Amino acid sequence: MNTRGYSLIETVTVLLILGVLAAAAAVPFVRPSEKAALERGVWEVQARLNYARFKSVYRGRPMKVTFRGGSCLVDHFDETADEWVREEEHPLPGVTVRANNAPIFHPTGTVSNLATITVSNARGTYRITLAISGRVRATRVA
C-alpha cells in the first residue's frame, strides 16, 4: 500500500518539537533588558518620592524616603512614639541606587534634607533631584 502524506503522530511530534524550539528562542525576550530595568528603577524611585510627598500632605505628618540594600524604604513619623515607622519597602532589581541624603517630606508639601539620587546600571545613569518645593526631576547623565 502506497500512502502519501503524514500521520497524525508525525504531525504532533513535529509541532511539539517546533513548540519547544520556539519557547527556547523566546527566553531572552521574556527577561527584562538592562534598559527596561533602568527605566523601571527610575520610575519606581520617582513614584515612591511622589507617594511620600502626597501621603505627607494627606496625613498631615512627615514622611521619609531612604535607599538601602537595593530597596526604597518609606517611613512615617509617629509623634506618640517619637520614632520613624516603616510603612513600605520596595525592591529595586537590576539597578544600583545611591542617595546623598534621606529626604523628609512635610505636610506643607515641602521637603527637607534635599537629596540627589542616582539610579544606574550597565545601560546608563539617571540623576533624580528634589527641589525644596518637593518637585521631583529626573535627568539622564551623559
Foldseek 3Di string as FASTA:
>chain_A
DDDDDDDPVVVVVVVVVVVVVVVVVCVVVVDDDLVVLLVVLVVVVQVVLVVQLVVQLVVQWKWKWDDPDQKIWIWTADPVVRDTDTDDIGGRPSKDKDKPFIWMHGNQSFIPRWIWMWIDHPVFIKIWGADRNSDIDIDTDD
